[in-house]
Amino acid sequence: MDELNIPKLKKEVEIAFKDGGVIKISKMTLFLNHFSAHHSGEETVLEILNDKSQFIPAMISNGNKEFAILNIDSIIYVSEFEQVKMDLKKEDIHIQFITGEKMEFMIHEELPGNRSRAIDFLNSGRTFLTFLKDNRKIYINKNKINKVEVI
């Protein structure tokens, strides 16, 4: 059976789900392909989240290493552990999630000059968008956002 397994890269992340009326964060491992279908190099977390698959495999890091299959629609956001360098200042925003919780983020994607407003970014065709919080990449499911305020 091992000959059917495709080697994957393991990526430790924190995934936020709605639990009752609050956001609950769980440490998990996602499985990335060694090669991306969209660019040279390894597959990224953002590519997995914006893929056409409705469910993705993960390993829950709760001491037992339980395997789980996650529904993409249930994820509020995914946070990477590695810190990234800030090369230039981007737009700061407050996001209110469907749980009512508010958090401050910074837009972390390069936006074309004619589509550089926060509303253009939020109305892009992708479900998950890249933000920064505490110099860490956060991929937010825009369907879990109630309101955005530009600071």
Protein backbone atom coordinates (compact mmCIF):
# COMPACT_ATOMS: atom_id res chain seq x y z
CA MET A 1 0.00 0.00 0.00
CA ASP A 2 2.93 2.38 0.60
CA GLU A 3 3.68 2.37 -3.14
CA LEU A 4 0.39 4.26 -3.63
CA ASN A 5 1.42 7.11 -1.30
CA ILE A 6 2.60 10.31 -2.97
CA PRO A 7 5.43 12.00 -1.03
CA LYS A 8 4.30 15.30 0.48
CA LEU A 9 5.87 18.20 2.31
CA LYS A 10 4.51 18.81 5.80
CA LYS A 11 3.62 22.38 6.75
CA GLU A 12 2.78 23.28 10.36
CA VAL A 13 0.03 25.90 10.60
CA GLU A 14 -2.67 27.20 12.91
CA ILE A 15 -6.21 26.88 11.60
CA ALA A 16 -9.11 28.91 12.99
CA PHE A 17 -12.63 27.52 12.99
CA LYS A 18 -15.90 28.83 14.37
CA ASP A 19 -16.67 27.00 17.61
CA GLY A 20 -20.02 28.14 18.92
CA GLY A 21 -19.82 31.91 18.75
CA VAL A 22 -16.04 32.26 19.00
CA ILE A 23 -12.95 31.51 16.94
CA LYS A 24 -11.05 28.41 18.07
CA ILE A 25 -7.47 27.92 16.85
CA SER A 26 -5.94 24.46 16.35
CA LYS A 27 -2.37 23.52 15.43
CA MET A 28 -2.37 21.29 12.37
CA THR A 29 -0.13 19.94 9.63
CA LEU A 30 -1.08 20.42 5.98
CA PHE A 31 0.37 18.30 3.18
CA LEU A 32 1.88 20.17 0.22
CA ASN A 33 3.07 18.84 -3.12
CA HIS A 34 6.78 19.05 -3.88
CA PHE A 35 5.95 20.86 -7.13
CA SER A 36 3.34 23.52 -7.78
CA ALA A 37 1.04 23.32 -10.80
CA HIS A 38 1.16 27.14 -11.11
CA HIS A 39 4.82 28.14 -10.69
CA SER A 40 8.27 26.71 -10.19
CA GLY A 41 8.93 25.42 -6.69
CA GLU A 42 6.81 23.87 -3.99
CA GLU A 43 3.06 24.17 -3.63
CA THR A 44 1.99 26.87 -1.17
CA VAL A 45 -0.64 26.90 1.57
CA LEU A 46 -2.56 29.55 -0.38
CA GLU A 47 -2.67 27.28 -3.45
CA ILE A 48 -4.18 24.43 -1.41
CA LEU A 49 -6.79 26.72 0.12
CA ASN A 50 -7.81 28.22 -3.23
CA ASP A 51 -7.78 24.91 -5.09
CA LYS A 52 -11.04 23.43 -6.38
CA SER A 53 -11.01 20.68 -3.71
CA GLN A 54 -13.78 21.09 -1.14
CA PHE A 55 -11.96 18.92 1.43
CA ILE A 56 -8.26 18.77 2.31
CA PRO A 57 -6.32 16.30 4.47
CA ALA A 58 -4.64 17.48 7.66
CA MET A 59 -3.04 16.10 10.79
CA ILE A 60 -4.31 17.52 14.08
CA SER A 61 -1.41 18.25 16.46
CA ASN A 62 -3.06 17.43 19.78
CA GLY A 63 -0.47 14.98 21.05
CA ASN A 64 -2.08 12.00 19.30
CA LYS A 65 -1.52 13.22 15.71
CA GLU A 66 -5.07 12.49 14.54
CA PHE A 67 -5.80 12.49 10.80
CA ALA A 68 -8.68 14.73 9.66
CA ILE A 69 -10.33 15.80 6.44
CA LEU A 70 -11.21 19.51 6.62
CA ASN A 71 -14.04 21.27 4.82
CA ILE A 72 -12.52 24.40 3.26
CA ASP A 73 -15.78 26.31 3.86
CA SER A 74 -15.49 25.79 7.65
CA ILE A 75 -12.05 27.45 7.89
CA ILE A 76 -12.02 31.09 9.02
CA TYR A 77 -8.29 31.57 8.54
CA VAL A 78 -4.96 29.76 8.37
CA SER A 79 -1.80 31.20 9.88
CA GLU A 80 1.78 30.22 9.05
CA PHE A 81 4.38 30.15 11.84
CA GLU A 82 7.31 31.59 9.88
CA GLN A 83 7.78 35.33 10.04
CA VAL A 84 8.15 37.30 6.81
CA LYS A 85 10.03 40.51 6.12
CA MET A 86 8.07 43.65 5.40
CA ASP A 87 9.46 45.27 2.27
CA LEU A 88 6.94 48.10 1.97
CA LYS A 89 4.02 49.44 3.95
CA LYS A 90 0.63 48.22 2.78
CA GLU A 91 -2.91 49.11 3.81
CA ASP A 92 -3.97 48.37 7.41
CA ILE A 93 -7.52 47.16 7.97
CA HIS A 94 -9.80 45.98 10.78
CA ILE A 95 -11.73 42.81 9.96
CA GLN A 96 -14.88 41.78 11.80
CA PHE A 97 -15.52 38.05 11.37
CA ILE A 98 -18.89 36.29 11.38
CA THR A 99 -18.25 35.47 15.05
CA GLY A 100 -18.23 39.19 15.85
CA GLU A 101 -14.53 39.20 16.73
CA LYS A 102 -12.42 42.03 15.29
CA MET A 103 -8.74 41.83 14.38
CA GLU A 104 -6.26 44.15 12.71
CA PHE A 105 -4.37 42.97 9.64
CA MET A 106 -2.25 44.35 6.84
CA ILE A 107 -2.89 43.49 3.20
CA HIS A 108 0.11 41.46 2.02
CA GLU A 109 -0.43 41.04 -1.71
CA GLU A 110 0.81 43.24 -4.51
CA LEU A 111 -2.19 44.89 -6.10
CA PRO A 112 -2.20 46.26 -9.65
CA GLY A 113 -2.37 50.05 -9.82
CA ASN A 114 -5.87 50.11 -11.27
CA ARG A 115 -7.14 47.53 -8.70
CA SER A 116 -5.28 48.65 -5.59
CA ARG A 117 -8.14 49.56 -3.27
CA ALA A 118 -9.13 47.27 -0.38
CA ILE A 119 -12.55 46.69 -1.99
CA ASP A 120 -10.88 45.50 -5.22
CA PHE A 121 -8.71 43.11 -3.23
CA LEU A 122 -11.69 41.71 -1.31
CA ASN A 123 -13.72 41.29 -4.52
CA SER A 124 -11.06 39.22 -6.26
CA GLY A 125 -12.11 35.78 -7.55
CA ARG A 126 -10.25 33.83 -4.85
CA THR A 127 -11.81 32.65 -1.59
CA PHE A 128 -8.67 32.95 0.58
CA LEU A 129 -6.65 36.18 0.59
CA THR A 130 -3.22 36.88 2.11
CA PHE A 131 -2.83 39.27 5.03
CA LEU A 132 -0.12 39.89 7.64
CA LYS A 133 -0.47 39.92 11.41
CA ASP A 134 2.60 40.10 13.65
CA ASN A 135 4.79 39.51 10.54
CA ARG A 136 3.10 36.15 9.89
CA LYS A 137 1.10 35.29 6.77
CA ILE A 138 -2.61 34.82 7.46
CA TYR A 139 -4.88 33.39 4.77
CA ILE A 140 -8.41 34.62 5.48
CA ASN A 141 -11.56 33.04 4.06
CA LYS A 142 -13.33 36.14 2.78
CA ASN A 143 -16.69 34.36 3.14
CA LYS A 144 -16.18 34.53 6.92
CA ILE A 145 -15.84 38.32 6.97
CA ASN A 146 -18.77 40.52 8.03
CA LYS A 147 -17.14 43.94 7.76
CA VAL A 148 -13.83 45.57 6.84
CA GLU A 149 -12.70 49.01 7.97
CA VAL A 150 -9.70 50.66 6.32
CA ILE A 151 -7.54 52.32 8.98
